[in-house]
Amino acid sequence: MLRWLLLSGVVLASAGPAYSAGRYYCAVDDGNVKLSLDVGFEEAAARKLNHFRGALIAKAAAVPSGFKTLMLDSSQLAHYWSYDGDLRLEVFARGEDQDAGKSFDLIIMSSAKDGTAPMSGSYVLTFDVPDAKPLELKGPLTCSVK
């Protein structure tokens, strides 16, 4: 009996905290873009980001060639917020090589405060090109919670 009690104590003492992740999947496929994002947050109080990736295909003809197809990762995630049914993301990157000086800024806003599923939201995608007016693409998107 004493062995069982000691073994149970050792097992419980070695167990670390378990955090489940709140995962979001956001997508849009309209005349401007085809976008999919997969985002994960810890459900602990700090809501630390533990996963971000995505893919964006820009369909508009005026989009700079180096930004037509983008693979997104956490190194491009400038700001993020997940709290009380809201999801906010800002993805930013600058171009390289022939696209040096060009940049894109993607803002995602989604909410489920009204209790509906899937979450409704919107995106704003801005391409900034030197010596030209910024190109701004907007539209609705949906996010689901996993």
N, C-alpha and C. Protein backbone atom coordinates (compact mmCIF):
# COMPACT_ATOMS: atom_id res chain seq x y z
N MET A 1 0.83 -1.19 0.00
CA MET A 1 0.00 0.00 0.00
C MET A 1 0.87 1.26 0.00
N LEU A 2 1.93 1.22 0.80
CA LEU A 2 2.83 2.37 0.87
C LEU A 2 3.49 2.62 -0.49
N ARG A 3 3.88 1.52 -1.18
CA ARG A 3 4.47 1.68 -2.51
C ARG A 3 3.49 2.36 -3.46
N TRP A 4 2.25 1.94 -3.44
CA TRP A 4 1.22 2.52 -4.31
C TRP A 4 1.05 4.01 -4.02
N LEU A 5 1.02 4.36 -2.76
CA LEU A 5 0.88 5.76 -2.36
C LEU A 5 2.09 6.58 -2.82
N LEU A 6 3.30 6.06 -2.64
CA LEU A 6 4.50 6.76 -3.08
C LEU A 6 4.55 6.89 -4.61
N LEU A 7 4.20 5.81 -5.31
CA LEU A 7 4.18 5.84 -6.76
C LEU A 7 3.17 6.86 -7.27
N SER A 8 2.01 6.91 -6.66
CA SER A 8 0.98 7.89 -7.05
C SER A 8 1.48 9.31 -6.81
N GLY A 9 2.16 9.52 -5.70
CA GLY A 9 2.70 10.84 -5.40
C GLY A 9 3.75 11.28 -6.41
N VAL A 10 4.62 10.36 -6.81
CA VAL A 10 5.66 10.67 -7.80
C VAL A 10 5.02 11.01 -9.15
N VAL A 11 4.04 10.23 -9.56
CA VAL A 11 3.37 10.47 -10.84
C VAL A 11 2.67 11.82 -10.83
N LEU A 12 1.96 12.13 -9.77
CA LEU A 12 1.26 13.41 -9.69
C LEU A 12 2.23 14.59 -9.62
N ALA A 13 3.34 14.41 -8.93
CA ALA A 13 4.31 15.49 -8.81
C ALA A 13 5.02 15.76 -10.13
N SER A 14 5.17 14.75 -10.95
CA SER A 14 5.89 14.94 -12.22
C SER A 14 4.99 15.43 -13.34
N ALA A 15 3.70 15.39 -13.14
CA ALA A 15 2.78 15.84 -14.19
C ALA A 15 2.79 17.36 -14.27
N GLY A 16 2.98 17.89 -15.45
CA GLY A 16 2.97 19.34 -15.65
C GLY A 16 1.56 19.82 -15.92
N PRO A 17 1.37 21.11 -15.97
CA PRO A 17 0.05 21.65 -16.26
C PRO A 17 -0.37 21.31 -17.69
N ALA A 18 -1.61 21.02 -17.87
CA ALA A 18 -2.13 20.70 -19.20
C ALA A 18 -2.96 21.88 -19.70
N TYR A 19 -2.60 22.37 -20.85
CA TYR A 19 -3.34 23.47 -21.46
C TYR A 19 -3.90 22.98 -22.79
N SER A 20 -5.16 23.12 -22.96
CA SER A 20 -5.73 22.81 -24.27
C SER A 20 -5.67 24.07 -25.11
N ALA A 21 -5.58 23.90 -26.39
CA ALA A 21 -5.43 25.05 -27.28
C ALA A 21 -6.75 25.41 -27.91
N GLY A 22 -7.05 26.71 -27.94
CA GLY A 22 -8.19 27.20 -28.69
C GLY A 22 -7.73 27.40 -30.12
N ARG A 23 -8.26 26.62 -31.05
CA ARG A 23 -7.84 26.68 -32.45
C ARG A 23 -8.91 27.37 -33.28
N TYR A 24 -8.48 28.22 -34.18
CA TYR A 24 -9.37 28.92 -35.10
C TYR A 24 -8.94 28.59 -36.52
N TYR A 25 -9.92 28.43 -37.38
CA TYR A 25 -9.67 28.27 -38.80
C TYR A 25 -10.48 29.34 -39.51
N CYS A 26 -9.81 30.23 -40.23
CA CYS A 26 -10.49 31.31 -40.95
C CYS A 26 -10.26 31.13 -42.45
N ALA A 27 -11.30 31.43 -43.22
CA ALA A 27 -11.19 31.25 -44.67
C ALA A 27 -12.06 32.24 -45.42
N VAL A 28 -11.62 32.55 -46.63
CA VAL A 28 -12.39 33.35 -47.57
C VAL A 28 -11.94 32.96 -48.98
N ASP A 29 -12.88 32.95 -49.89
CA ASP A 29 -12.59 32.74 -51.30
C ASP A 29 -13.56 33.62 -52.08
N ASP A 30 -13.10 34.82 -52.43
CA ASP A 30 -13.96 35.76 -53.15
C ASP A 30 -13.23 36.26 -54.40
N GLY A 31 -13.69 37.32 -54.98
CA GLY A 31 -13.07 37.85 -56.19
C GLY A 31 -11.70 38.47 -55.97
N ASN A 32 -11.38 38.80 -54.71
CA ASN A 32 -10.10 39.44 -54.39
C ASN A 32 -9.01 38.45 -54.00
N VAL A 33 -9.36 37.53 -53.08
CA VAL A 33 -8.35 36.63 -52.51
C VAL A 33 -8.94 35.26 -52.23
N LYS A 34 -8.03 34.32 -52.10
CA LYS A 34 -8.34 33.02 -51.51
C LYS A 34 -7.40 32.93 -50.32
N LEU A 35 -7.95 32.78 -49.13
CA LEU A 35 -7.17 32.85 -47.90
C LEU A 35 -7.61 31.77 -46.94
N SER A 36 -6.65 31.11 -46.32
CA SER A 36 -6.96 30.20 -45.22
C SER A 36 -5.91 30.41 -44.13
N LEU A 37 -6.39 30.47 -42.89
CA LEU A 37 -5.52 30.67 -41.73
C LEU A 37 -5.84 29.63 -40.67
N ASP A 38 -4.81 29.14 -40.00
CA ASP A 38 -4.96 28.22 -38.88
C ASP A 38 -4.21 28.84 -37.71
N VAL A 39 -4.93 29.15 -36.63
CA VAL A 39 -4.37 29.88 -35.50
C VAL A 39 -4.68 29.12 -34.22
N GLY A 40 -3.71 29.00 -33.33
CA GLY A 40 -3.93 28.31 -32.06
C GLY A 40 -3.44 29.13 -30.88
N PHE A 41 -4.25 29.15 -29.83
CA PHE A 41 -3.91 29.85 -28.59
C PHE A 41 -4.06 28.88 -27.42
N GLU A 42 -3.22 29.05 -26.41
CA GLU A 42 -3.42 28.32 -25.16
C GLU A 42 -4.70 28.83 -24.52
N GLU A 43 -5.38 27.96 -23.82
CA GLU A 43 -6.59 28.39 -23.12
C GLU A 43 -6.29 28.84 -21.70
N ALA A 44 -5.01 28.88 -21.34
CA ALA A 44 -4.61 29.41 -20.04
C ALA A 44 -4.90 30.91 -20.04
N ALA A 45 -4.82 31.51 -18.88
CA ALA A 45 -5.20 32.92 -18.72
C ALA A 45 -4.46 33.86 -19.67
N ALA A 46 -3.21 33.58 -19.99
CA ALA A 46 -2.43 34.48 -20.83
C ALA A 46 -2.80 34.40 -22.31
N ARG A 47 -3.49 33.35 -22.73
CA ARG A 47 -3.89 33.15 -24.14
C ARG A 47 -2.69 33.28 -25.08
N LYS A 48 -1.59 32.65 -24.71
CA LYS A 48 -0.37 32.71 -25.51
C LYS A 48 -0.59 32.03 -26.86
N LEU A 49 -0.10 32.67 -27.91
CA LEU A 49 -0.15 32.10 -29.25
C LEU A 49 0.78 30.90 -29.31
N ASN A 50 0.29 29.77 -29.79
CA ASN A 50 1.17 28.62 -29.93
C ASN A 50 1.21 28.08 -31.36
N HIS A 51 0.45 28.69 -32.27
CA HIS A 51 0.44 28.18 -33.64
C HIS A 51 -0.16 29.23 -34.58
N PHE A 52 0.51 29.48 -35.70
CA PHE A 52 -0.05 30.35 -36.73
C PHE A 52 0.55 29.96 -38.08
N ARG A 53 -0.32 29.73 -39.05
CA ARG A 53 0.13 29.50 -40.42
C ARG A 53 -1.03 29.78 -41.36
N GLY A 54 -0.71 30.02 -42.61
CA GLY A 54 -1.77 30.30 -43.57
C GLY A 54 -1.24 30.39 -44.98
N ALA A 55 -2.18 30.54 -45.89
CA ALA A 55 -1.85 30.70 -47.31
C ALA A 55 -2.80 31.74 -47.89
N LEU A 56 -2.25 32.59 -48.75
CA LEU A 56 -3.03 33.64 -49.38
C LEU A 56 -2.71 33.67 -50.87
N ILE A 57 -3.74 33.64 -51.68
CA ILE A 57 -3.60 33.80 -53.12
C ILE A 57 -4.38 35.05 -53.50
N ALA A 58 -3.66 36.07 -53.99
CA ALA A 58 -4.31 37.32 -54.39
C ALA A 58 -4.75 37.20 -55.84
N LYS A 59 -6.02 37.49 -56.09
CA LYS A 59 -6.58 37.34 -57.44
C LYS A 59 -6.62 38.64 -58.23
N ALA A 60 -6.56 39.78 -57.54
CA ALA A 60 -6.64 41.08 -58.22
C ALA A 60 -5.42 41.29 -59.12
N ALA A 61 -5.63 41.81 -60.31
CA ALA A 61 -4.56 41.99 -61.28
C ALA A 61 -3.51 43.00 -60.82
N ALA A 62 -3.91 43.99 -60.03
CA ALA A 62 -3.00 45.06 -59.62
C ALA A 62 -2.05 44.67 -58.48
N VAL A 63 -2.17 43.46 -57.94
CA VAL A 63 -1.31 43.02 -56.83
C VAL A 63 0.11 42.79 -57.37
N PRO A 64 1.14 43.29 -56.65
CA PRO A 64 2.52 43.07 -57.09
C PRO A 64 2.81 41.57 -57.27
N SER A 65 3.60 41.24 -58.29
CA SER A 65 3.82 39.83 -58.65
C SER A 65 4.37 39.00 -57.50
N GLY A 66 5.26 39.55 -56.69
CA GLY A 66 5.84 38.81 -55.58
C GLY A 66 4.87 38.53 -54.44
N PHE A 67 3.68 39.13 -54.50
CA PHE A 67 2.69 38.95 -53.44
C PHE A 67 1.45 38.19 -53.92
N LYS A 68 1.51 37.62 -55.11
CA LYS A 68 0.35 36.89 -55.64
C LYS A 68 0.04 35.64 -54.82
N THR A 69 1.08 34.93 -54.40
CA THR A 69 0.92 33.73 -53.57
C THR A 69 1.83 33.88 -52.36
N LEU A 70 1.24 33.83 -51.17
CA LEU A 70 2.01 34.02 -49.94
C LEU A 70 1.76 32.88 -48.97
N MET A 71 2.82 32.36 -48.42
CA MET A 71 2.72 31.41 -47.32
C MET A 71 2.97 32.23 -46.05
N LEU A 72 2.03 32.18 -45.13
CA LEU A 72 2.09 33.00 -43.92
C LEU A 72 2.53 32.16 -42.74
N ASP A 73 3.36 32.76 -41.87
CA ASP A 73 3.78 32.08 -40.65
C ASP A 73 3.90 33.09 -39.51
N SER A 74 4.23 32.60 -38.34
CA SER A 74 4.22 33.46 -37.14
C SER A 74 5.26 34.57 -37.19
N SER A 75 6.29 34.45 -38.02
CA SER A 75 7.28 35.53 -38.11
C SER A 75 6.67 36.79 -38.73
N GLN A 76 5.56 36.67 -39.44
CA GLN A 76 4.90 37.81 -40.06
C GLN A 76 3.75 38.35 -39.22
N LEU A 77 3.43 37.69 -38.14
CA LEU A 77 2.31 38.09 -37.29
C LEU A 77 2.72 39.26 -36.41
N ALA A 78 2.22 40.45 -36.73
CA ALA A 78 2.60 41.66 -36.00
C ALA A 78 1.81 41.83 -34.71
N HIS A 79 0.51 41.55 -34.75
CA HIS A 79 -0.36 41.69 -33.59
C HIS A 79 -1.40 40.58 -33.61
N TYR A 80 -1.80 40.15 -32.42
CA TYR A 80 -2.87 39.15 -32.33
C TYR A 80 -3.64 39.33 -31.03
N TRP A 81 -4.91 38.96 -31.08
CA TRP A 81 -5.79 39.13 -29.94
C TRP A 81 -6.88 38.07 -30.01
N SER A 82 -7.06 37.36 -28.94
CA SER A 82 -8.14 36.39 -28.84
C SER A 82 -8.71 36.51 -27.43
N TYR A 83 -9.94 37.03 -27.34
CA TYR A 83 -10.54 37.22 -26.02
C TYR A 83 -12.05 37.35 -26.16
N ASP A 84 -12.77 36.64 -25.33
CA ASP A 84 -14.22 36.79 -25.19
C ASP A 84 -14.95 36.74 -26.54
N GLY A 85 -14.59 35.76 -27.35
CA GLY A 85 -15.28 35.60 -28.63
C GLY A 85 -14.75 36.45 -29.77
N ASP A 86 -13.72 37.25 -29.52
CA ASP A 86 -13.12 38.08 -30.56
C ASP A 86 -11.79 37.49 -31.01
N LEU A 87 -11.53 37.59 -32.28
CA LEU A 87 -10.23 37.22 -32.84
C LEU A 87 -9.77 38.38 -33.72
N ARG A 88 -8.58 38.88 -33.45
CA ARG A 88 -7.98 39.97 -34.22
C ARG A 88 -6.56 39.57 -34.58
N LEU A 89 -6.20 39.74 -35.84
CA LEU A 89 -4.86 39.41 -36.30
C LEU A 89 -4.36 40.50 -37.23
N GLU A 90 -3.07 40.80 -37.16
CA GLU A 90 -2.43 41.65 -38.15
C GLU A 90 -1.18 40.93 -38.65
N VAL A 91 -1.13 40.71 -39.94
CA VAL A 91 0.00 40.04 -40.58
C VAL A 91 0.67 41.08 -41.48
N PHE A 92 1.98 41.23 -41.34
CA PHE A 92 2.71 42.25 -42.09
C PHE A 92 4.01 41.66 -42.62
N ALA A 93 4.36 41.99 -43.85
CA ALA A 93 5.65 41.57 -44.39
C ALA A 93 6.09 42.54 -45.47
N ARG A 94 7.39 42.62 -45.63
CA ARG A 94 8.00 43.43 -46.69
C ARG A 94 8.51 42.49 -47.78
N GLY A 95 8.52 43.01 -49.00
CA GLY A 95 9.00 42.23 -50.13
C GLY A 95 10.51 42.10 -50.14
N GLU A 96 10.99 41.12 -50.87
CA GLU A 96 12.42 40.89 -51.03
C GLU A 96 12.77 40.92 -52.52
N ASP A 97 14.05 41.02 -52.83
CA ASP A 97 14.56 41.00 -54.20
C ASP A 97 13.83 42.01 -55.08
N GLN A 98 13.13 41.56 -56.13
CA GLN A 98 12.48 42.48 -57.05
C GLN A 98 11.31 43.21 -56.41
N ASP A 99 10.83 42.74 -55.26
CA ASP A 99 9.72 43.40 -54.57
C ASP A 99 10.20 44.22 -53.36
N ALA A 100 11.49 44.51 -53.29
CA ALA A 100 12.01 45.32 -52.19
C ALA A 100 11.30 46.67 -52.17
N GLY A 101 10.96 47.13 -51.00
CA GLY A 101 10.24 48.39 -50.84
C GLY A 101 8.74 48.23 -50.85
N LYS A 102 8.26 47.07 -51.27
CA LYS A 102 6.83 46.79 -51.28
C LYS A 102 6.47 46.05 -50.00
N SER A 103 5.22 46.18 -49.58
CA SER A 103 4.80 45.48 -48.37
C SER A 103 3.32 45.14 -48.45
N PHE A 104 2.91 44.22 -47.58
CA PHE A 104 1.49 43.94 -47.44
C PHE A 104 1.12 43.94 -45.97
N ASP A 105 -0.11 44.29 -45.70
CA ASP A 105 -0.64 44.35 -44.34
C ASP A 105 -2.03 43.73 -44.39
N LEU A 106 -2.23 42.65 -43.64
CA LEU A 106 -3.50 41.93 -43.61
C LEU A 106 -4.09 42.05 -42.22
N ILE A 107 -5.30 42.59 -42.13
CA ILE A 107 -6.01 42.72 -40.85
C ILE A 107 -7.21 41.77 -40.90
N ILE A 108 -7.32 40.93 -39.87
CA ILE A 108 -8.45 40.00 -39.73
C ILE A 108 -9.21 40.39 -38.47
N MET A 109 -10.52 40.56 -38.58
CA MET A 109 -11.37 40.84 -37.42
C MET A 109 -12.56 39.89 -37.48
N SER A 110 -12.75 39.11 -36.42
CA SER A 110 -13.84 38.15 -36.39
C SER A 110 -14.41 38.10 -34.98
N SER A 111 -15.72 37.85 -34.88
CA SER A 111 -16.36 37.87 -33.58
C SER A 111 -17.48 36.84 -33.51
N ALA A 112 -17.64 36.26 -32.33
CA ALA A 112 -18.74 35.34 -32.07
C ALA A 112 -19.45 35.73 -30.78
N LYS A 113 -19.45 37.02 -30.46
CA LYS A 113 -20.07 37.47 -29.22
C LYS A 113 -21.56 37.21 -29.18
N ASP A 114 -22.18 37.15 -30.36
CA ASP A 114 -23.62 36.89 -30.37
C ASP A 114 -23.94 35.40 -30.27
N GLY A 115 -22.92 34.56 -30.14
CA GLY A 115 -23.11 33.13 -29.94
C GLY A 115 -23.34 32.35 -31.22
N THR A 116 -23.22 32.99 -32.37
CA THR A 116 -23.43 32.28 -33.62
C THR A 116 -22.17 31.53 -34.03
N ALA A 117 -22.37 30.48 -34.77
CA ALA A 117 -21.25 29.73 -35.33
C ALA A 117 -21.57 29.48 -36.79
N PRO A 118 -20.69 29.66 -37.69
CA PRO A 118 -19.31 30.10 -37.51
C PRO A 118 -19.22 31.59 -37.19
N MET A 119 -18.02 32.00 -36.78
CA MET A 119 -17.78 33.40 -36.46
C MET A 119 -17.79 34.22 -37.75
N SER A 120 -18.44 35.36 -37.72
CA SER A 120 -18.43 36.24 -38.89
C SER A 120 -17.36 37.31 -38.69
N GLY A 121 -16.80 37.77 -39.80
CA GLY A 121 -15.76 38.77 -39.69
C GLY A 121 -15.45 39.40 -41.03
N SER A 122 -14.30 40.07 -41.06
CA SER A 122 -13.89 40.75 -42.28
C SER A 122 -12.36 40.77 -42.37
N TYR A 123 -11.89 41.04 -43.57
CA TYR A 123 -10.45 41.22 -43.77
C TYR A 123 -10.22 42.52 -44.53
N VAL A 124 -9.06 43.10 -44.31
CA VAL A 124 -8.58 44.24 -45.09
C VAL A 124 -7.13 43.90 -45.44
N LEU A 125 -6.85 43.84 -46.72
CA LEU A 125 -5.52 43.51 -47.22
C LEU A 125 -5.01 44.70 -48.01
N THR A 126 -3.90 45.28 -47.55
CA THR A 126 -3.34 46.47 -48.18
C THR A 126 -1.95 46.15 -48.73
N PHE A 127 -1.75 46.45 -50.00
CA PHE A 127 -0.44 46.33 -50.63
C PHE A 127 0.10 47.73 -50.83
N ASP A 128 1.30 47.97 -50.33
CA ASP A 128 1.94 49.28 -50.43
C ASP A 128 3.11 49.17 -51.40
N VAL A 129 3.05 49.93 -52.47
CA VAL A 129 4.06 49.89 -53.52
C VAL A 129 4.64 51.30 -53.67
N PRO A 130 5.98 51.45 -53.71
CA PRO A 130 6.55 52.79 -53.88
C PRO A 130 6.04 53.46 -55.16
N ASP A 131 5.85 54.75 -55.08
CA ASP A 131 5.42 55.57 -56.22
C ASP A 131 4.07 55.17 -56.79
N ALA A 132 3.22 54.58 -55.96
CA ALA A 132 1.87 54.21 -56.40
C ALA A 132 0.91 54.30 -55.22
N LYS A 133 -0.35 54.45 -55.53
CA LYS A 133 -1.37 54.48 -54.50
C LYS A 133 -1.52 53.08 -53.90
N PRO A 134 -1.62 52.96 -52.56
CA PRO A 134 -1.80 51.63 -51.97
C PRO A 134 -3.06 50.94 -52.51
N LEU A 135 -2.94 49.64 -52.72
CA LEU A 135 -4.06 48.84 -53.18
C LEU A 135 -4.71 48.20 -51.95
N GLU A 136 -6.00 48.44 -51.76
CA GLU A 136 -6.70 47.91 -50.59
C GLU A 136 -7.82 46.97 -51.06
N LEU A 137 -7.80 45.75 -50.55
CA LEU A 137 -8.82 44.75 -50.84
C LEU A 137 -9.55 44.44 -49.55
N LYS A 138 -10.89 44.38 -49.60
CA LYS A 138 -11.69 44.14 -48.39
C LYS A 138 -12.75 43.10 -48.69
N GLY A 139 -13.21 42.45 -47.64
CA GLY A 139 -14.31 41.52 -47.81
C GLY A 139 -14.65 40.78 -46.53
N PRO A 140 -15.73 40.02 -46.56
CA PRO A 140 -16.13 39.23 -45.40
C PRO A 140 -15.35 37.91 -45.35
N LEU A 141 -15.25 37.35 -44.16
CA LEU A 141 -14.67 36.03 -44.00
C LEU A 141 -15.37 35.32 -42.86
N THR A 142 -15.15 34.04 -42.76
CA THR A 142 -15.71 33.27 -41.65
C THR A 142 -14.58 32.54 -40.93
N CYS A 143 -14.76 32.38 -39.64
CA CYS A 143 -13.82 31.63 -38.82
C CYS A 143 -14.61 30.60 -38.03
N SER A 144 -14.03 29.44 -37.86
CA SER A 144 -14.65 28.43 -37.01
C SER A 144 -13.68 28.10 -35.88
N VAL A 145 -14.23 27.63 -34.78
CA VAL A 145 -13.43 27.28 -33.62
C VAL A 145 -13.33 25.77 -33.55
N LYS A 146 -12.12 25.28 -33.37
CA LYS A 146 -11.90 23.84 -33.26
C LYS A 146 -11.71 23.48 -31.81
